[in-house]
C-alpha atoms as a PDB file:
ATOM      1  CA  PRO A   1      -2.785-180.032  76.920  1.00  0.00           C
ATOM      2  CA  ASP A   2      -6.057-180.754  78.923  1.00  0.00           C
ATOM      3  CA  ALA A   3      -4.199-180.702  82.577  1.00  0.00           C
ATOM      4  CA  GLU A   4      -6.137-184.193  83.317  1.00  0.00           C
ATOM      5  CA  ARG A   5      -3.342-187.447  82.739  1.00  0.00           C
ATOM      6  CA  THR A   6      -1.833-189.253  80.014  1.00  0.00           C
ATOM      7  CA  MET A   7      -0.511-192.402  80.495  1.00  0.00           C
ATOM      8  CA  ASN A   8       0.490-195.865  79.119  1.00  0.00           C
ATOM      9  CA  THR A   9       0.354-198.518  82.055  1.00  0.00           C
ATOM     10  CA  SER A  10       3.564-200.620  82.300  1.00  0.00           C
ATOM     11  CA  LEU A  11       3.043-202.937  85.142  1.00  0.00           C
ATOM     12  CA  GLY A  12       6.861-203.974  85.505  1.00  0.00           C
ATOM     13  CA  ALA A  13       6.981-205.505  89.095  1.00  0.00           C
ATOM     14  CA  SER A  14       3.530-205.597  89.659  1.00  0.00           C
ATOM     15  CA  GLY A  15       2.299-207.341  86.805  1.00  0.00           C
ATOM     16  CA  VAL A  16       4.875-210.800  88.480  1.00  0.00           C
ATOM     17  CA  PHE A  17       3.520-209.857  91.962  1.00  0.00           C
ATOM     18  CA  ALA A  18       2.454-213.158  93.892  1.00  0.00           C
ATOM     19  CA  VAL A  19       1.317-214.434  96.633  1.00  0.00           C
ATOM     20  CA  GLU A  20       4.898-215.532  97.327  1.00  0.00           C
ATOM     21  CA  HIS A  21       5.201-212.132  98.005  1.00  0.00           C
ATOM     22  CA  VAL A  22       2.593-211.513 100.733  1.00  0.00           C
ATOM     23  CA  THR A  23       4.061-211.399 104.267  1.00  0.00           C
ATOM     24  CA  GLU A  24       2.016-213.029 106.938  1.00  0.00           C
ATOM     25  CA  ASP A  25       5.527-211.795 109.060  1.00  0.00           C
ATOM     26  CA  ALA A  26       5.228-207.566 107.526  1.00  0.00           C
ATOM     27  CA  LEU A  27       1.479-207.787 107.351  1.00  0.00           C
ATOM     28  CA  LYS A  28       0.872-208.280 110.947  1.00  0.00           C
ATOM     29  CA  GLN A  29       2.626-205.315 111.799  1.00  0.00           C
ATOM     30  CA  ALA A  30       0.640-202.503 109.597  1.00  0.00           C
ATOM     31  CA  THR A  31      -2.104-200.500 110.594  1.00  0.00           C
ATOM     32  CA  TRP A  32      -3.158-199.876 106.762  1.00  0.00           C
ATOM     33  CA  LEU A  33      -2.743-201.960 103.953  1.00  0.00           C
ATOM     34  CA  TYR A  34      -2.848-200.717 100.662  1.00  0.00           C
ATOM     35  CA  LEU A  35      -4.047-202.189  97.251  1.00  0.00           C
ATOM     36  CA  GLU A  36      -3.578-201.029  94.355  1.00  0.00           C
ATOM     37  CA  GLY A  37      -6.492-201.853  91.381  1.00  0.00           C
ATOM     38  CA  TYR A  38      -3.427-202.767  89.220  1.00  0.00           C
ATOM     39  CA  LEU A  39      -3.495-205.989  91.097  1.00  0.00           C
ATOM     40  CA  PHE A  40      -5.964-207.009  89.997  1.00  0.00           C
ATOM     41  CA  SER A  41      -5.347-207.624  86.408  1.00  0.00           C
ATOM     42  CA  THR A  42      -3.084-210.139  86.685  1.00  0.00           C
ATOM     43  CA  PRO A  43      -4.080-214.240  88.449  1.00  0.00           C
ATOM     44  CA  GLY A  44      -0.906-213.947  90.170  1.00  0.00           C
ATOM     45  CA  GLY A  45      -2.176-210.667  90.711  1.00  0.00           C
ATOM     46  CA  GLN A  46      -5.497-211.401  92.407  1.00  0.00           C
ATOM     47  CA  ALA A  47      -4.708-213.731  94.305  1.00  0.00           C
ATOM     48  CA  ALA A  48      -1.568-211.973  95.963  1.00  0.00           C
ATOM     49  CA  ALA A  49      -4.625-209.767  96.779  1.00  0.00           C
ATOM     50  CA  ARG A  50      -6.720-212.502  98.422  1.00  0.00           C
ATOM     51  CA  ARG A  51      -4.217-213.621 100.558  1.00  0.00           C
ATOM     52  CA  ALA A  52      -3.179-210.020 101.648  1.00  0.00           C
ATOM     53  CA  LEU A  53      -6.413-209.292 102.287  1.00  0.00           C
ATOM     54  CA  GLU A  54      -6.579-212.320 104.469  1.00  0.00           C
ATOM     55  CA  LEU A  55      -4.035-211.433 107.024  1.00  0.00           C
ATOM     56  CA  ALA A  56      -5.137-208.576 106.698  1.00  0.00           C
ATOM     57  CA  ARG A  57      -8.302-209.395 108.350  1.00  0.00           C
ATOM     58  CA  LYS A  58      -6.481-211.698 110.744  1.00  0.00           C
ATOM     59  CA  HIS A  59      -4.955-209.400 112.026  1.00  0.00           C
ATOM     60  CA  GLN A  60      -7.368-205.908 111.904  1.00  0.00           C
ATOM     61  CA  VAL A  61      -5.564-204.404 109.391  1.00  0.00           C
ATOM     62  CA  LYS A  62      -7.622-202.154 107.896  1.00  0.00           C
ATOM     63  CA  VAL A  63      -7.179-202.072 104.283  1.00  0.00           C
ATOM     64  CA  SER A  64      -7.559-199.306 101.500  1.00  0.00           C
ATOM     65  CA  LEU A  65      -7.993-200.191  98.026  1.00  0.00           C
ATOM     66  CA  THR A  66      -7.951-197.534  94.734  1.00  0.00           C
ATOM     67  CA  CYS A  67      -9.560-198.577  92.058  1.00  0.00           C
ATOM     68  CA  SER A  68      -6.558-197.729  89.569  1.00  0.00           C
ATOM     69  CA  ASP A  69      -7.940-197.047  86.518  1.00  0.00           C
ATOM     70  CA  ARG A  70     -11.099-197.158  84.669  1.00  0.00           C
ATOM     71  CA  PHE A  71     -10.424-200.110  82.479  1.00  0.00           C
ATOM     72  CA  ILE A  72      -9.611-202.156  85.869  1.00  0.00           C
ATOM     73  CA  VAL A  73     -13.523-201.386  87.091  1.00  0.00           C
ATOM     74  CA  GLU A  74     -14.275-202.534  83.630  1.00  0.00           C
ATOM     75  CA  ALA A  75     -11.895-205.585  83.226  1.00  0.00           C
ATOM     76  CA  CYS A  76     -11.701-206.955  86.924  1.00  0.00           C
ATOM     77  CA  GLY A  77     -15.176-206.028  87.789  1.00  0.00           C
ATOM     78  CA  ASP A  78     -15.964-210.078  89.847  1.00  0.00           C
ATOM     79  CA  ALA A  79     -12.217-210.084  91.329  1.00  0.00           C
ATOM     80  CA  LEU A  80     -12.009-206.052  91.933  1.00  0.00           C
ATOM     81  CA  ARG A  81     -15.677-206.071  93.630  1.00  0.00           C
ATOM     82  CA  ALA A  82     -15.029-208.730  96.001  1.00  0.00           C
ATOM     83  CA  ALA A  83     -12.168-207.393  97.418  1.00  0.00           C
ATOM     84  CA  VAL A  84     -13.985-203.883  97.293  1.00  0.00           C
ATOM     85  CA  ALA A  85     -16.743-205.653  99.829  1.00  0.00           C
ATOM     86  CA  GLU A  86     -13.793-206.156 102.713  1.00  0.00           C
ATOM     87  CA  CYS A  87     -12.339-202.854 102.556  1.00  0.00           C
ATOM     88  CA  ASP A  88     -12.221-199.943 105.359  1.00  0.00           C
ATOM     89  CA  LEU A  89     -11.885-197.122 102.513  1.00  0.00           C
ATOM     90  CA  VAL A  90     -11.593-197.061  99.045  1.00  0.00           C
ATOM     91  CA  PHE A  91     -10.656-194.618  96.278  1.00  0.00           C
ATOM     92  CA  ALA A  92     -11.685-193.948  92.741  1.00  0.00           C
ATOM     93  CA  ASN A  93     -12.085-190.623  90.337  1.00  0.00           C
ATOM     94  CA  GLN A  94     -15.337-189.674  88.741  1.00  0.00           C
ATOM     95  CA  GLN A  95     -14.815-191.859  85.897  1.00  0.00           C
ATOM     96  CA  GLU A  96     -13.863-195.204  87.858  1.00  0.00           C
ATOM     97  CA  ALA A  97     -16.416-194.789  90.621  1.00  0.00           C
ATOM     98  CA  GLY A  98     -19.353-194.334  87.229  1.00  0.00           C
ATOM     99  CA  ALA A  99     -17.577-197.341  85.754  1.00  0.00           C
ATOM    100  CA  TYR A 100     -18.164-199.213  89.166  1.00  0.00           C
ATOM    101  CA  VAL A 101     -22.063-197.801  89.990  1.00  0.00           C
ATOM    102  CA  ASP A 102     -22.629-197.532  86.454  1.00  0.00           C
ATOM    103  CA  GLN A 103     -23.597-194.098  86.238  1.00  0.00           C
ATOM    104  CA  GLU A 104     -21.737-191.027  84.712  1.00  0.00           C
ATOM    105  CA  ARG A 105     -23.150-187.751  85.853  1.00  0.00           C
ATOM    106  CA  ALA A 106     -20.911-186.810  89.435  1.00  0.00           C
ATOM    107  CA  GLU A 107     -23.790-186.262  91.469  1.00  0.00           C
ATOM    108  CA  ALA A 108     -25.676-189.610  90.445  1.00  0.00           C
ATOM    109  CA  ILE A 109     -22.149-191.333  91.158  1.00  0.00           C
ATOM    110  CA  PHE A 110     -21.244-190.584  94.436  1.00  0.00           C
ATOM    111  CA  PRO A 111     -24.234-190.973  96.783  1.00  0.00           C
ATOM    112  CA  ARG A 112     -24.510-194.741  95.217  1.00  0.00           C
ATOM    113  CA  PHE A 113     -20.417-194.966  94.925  1.00  0.00           C
ATOM    114  CA  GLN A 114     -20.639-194.097  99.210  1.00  0.00           C
ATOM    115  CA  GLU A 115     -22.327-197.475  99.660  1.00  0.00           C
ATOM    116  CA  VAL A 116     -19.677-199.434  98.143  1.00  0.00           C
ATOM    117  CA  ALA A 117     -17.621-199.473 101.244  1.00  0.00           C
ATOM    118  CA  PRO A 118     -17.588-198.015 105.093  1.00  0.00           C
ATOM    119  CA  ASN A 119     -15.301-194.772 103.742  1.00  0.00           C
ATOM    120  CA  VAL A 120     -14.903-193.357 100.249  1.00  0.00           C
ATOM    121  CA  VAL A 121     -12.756-190.728  98.541  1.00  0.00           C
ATOM    122  CA  MET A 122     -14.071-189.810  95.320  1.00  0.00           C
ATOM    123  CA  THR A 123     -11.089-187.349  93.090  1.00  0.00           C
ATOM    124  CA  ARG A 124     -12.695-184.894  90.638  1.00  0.00           C
ATOM    125  CA  GLY A 125     -10.319-183.450  88.746  1.00  0.00           C
ATOM    126  CA  ASP A 126     -10.078-179.740  88.564  1.00  0.00           C
ATOM    127  CA  GLN A 127     -13.165-179.865  90.848  1.00  0.00           C
ATOM    128  CA  GLY A 128     -11.182-181.557  93.737  1.00  0.00           C
ATOM    129  CA  ALA A 129     -12.532-185.117  95.726  1.00  0.00           C
ATOM    130  CA  TRP A 130     -15.815-185.894  97.390  1.00  0.00           C
ATOM    131  CA  GLY A 131     -15.681-187.989 100.554  1.00  0.00           C
ATOM    132  CA  MET A 132     -17.359-189.874 102.971  1.00  0.00           C
ATOM    133  CA  PHE A 133     -15.122-190.953 106.358  1.00  0.00           C
ATOM    134  CA  GLY A 134     -16.321-192.170 109.951  1.00  0.00           C
ATOM    135  CA  GLY A 135     -19.833-191.109 108.661  1.00  0.00           C
ATOM    136  CA  THR A 136     -18.913-187.698 107.897  1.00  0.00           C
ATOM    137  CA  ALA A 137     -19.262-186.630 104.276  1.00  0.00           C
ATOM    138  CA  PHE A 138     -16.905-183.215 103.524  1.00  0.00           C
ATOM    139  CA  GLN A 139     -15.286-182.011 100.545  1.00  0.00           C
ATOM    140  CA  VAL A 140     -11.866-181.167  99.211  1.00  0.00           C
ATOM    141  CA  PRO A 141     -11.284-177.978  96.603  1.00  0.00           C
ATOM    142  CA  ALA A 142      -8.889-178.656  93.847  1.00  0.00           C
ATOM    143  CA  VAL A 143      -5.873-176.653  94.525  1.00  0.00           C
ATOM    144  CA  PRO A 144      -5.098-174.782  91.317  1.00  0.00           C
ATOM    145  CA  VAL A 145      -1.391-174.785  90.016  1.00  0.00           C
ATOM    146  CA  GLN A 146      -0.029-174.545  87.009  1.00  0.00           C
ATOM    147  CA  ALA A 147       1.201-177.305  85.291  1.00  0.00           C
ATOM    148  CA  LEU A 148       4.674-177.541  84.027  1.00  0.00           C
ATOM    149  CA  ASP A 149       6.045-179.714  81.264  1.00  0.00           C
ATOM    150  CA  ALA A 150       9.298-181.113  82.854  1.00  0.00           C
ATOM    151  CA  THR A 151      10.110-182.995  80.209  1.00  0.00           C
END
């Protein structure tokens, strides 16, 4: 009703993703590796993410990560933070970024969130997004749309 997302997460195949699913041959051909924060919710996913990060660095593949959910930031903090420290680009919504930097107000969150990686994007729902990429700060406005119930 408030146009915000409502979901009950099911990890599906991500819940069984493990190191053996990370292949060097595939990764070395990539330009970017995109890690989903939900990977950090299982020991196997954490190990797979660590291996993917290792291979990405070995083959000069850039790494991006999305925090996925405030719960992931809070529950998987140490493992997630270790991965973020190796990222070239980090995505988070305002609640996730706030949990990451222990701040509540957007104006206080973003300056601290900019420090977690060389490039960051913080989405703000109907307020658009704030980002820092290549040393340049930017804002992207949200585009108003009418939400449709497709059920």
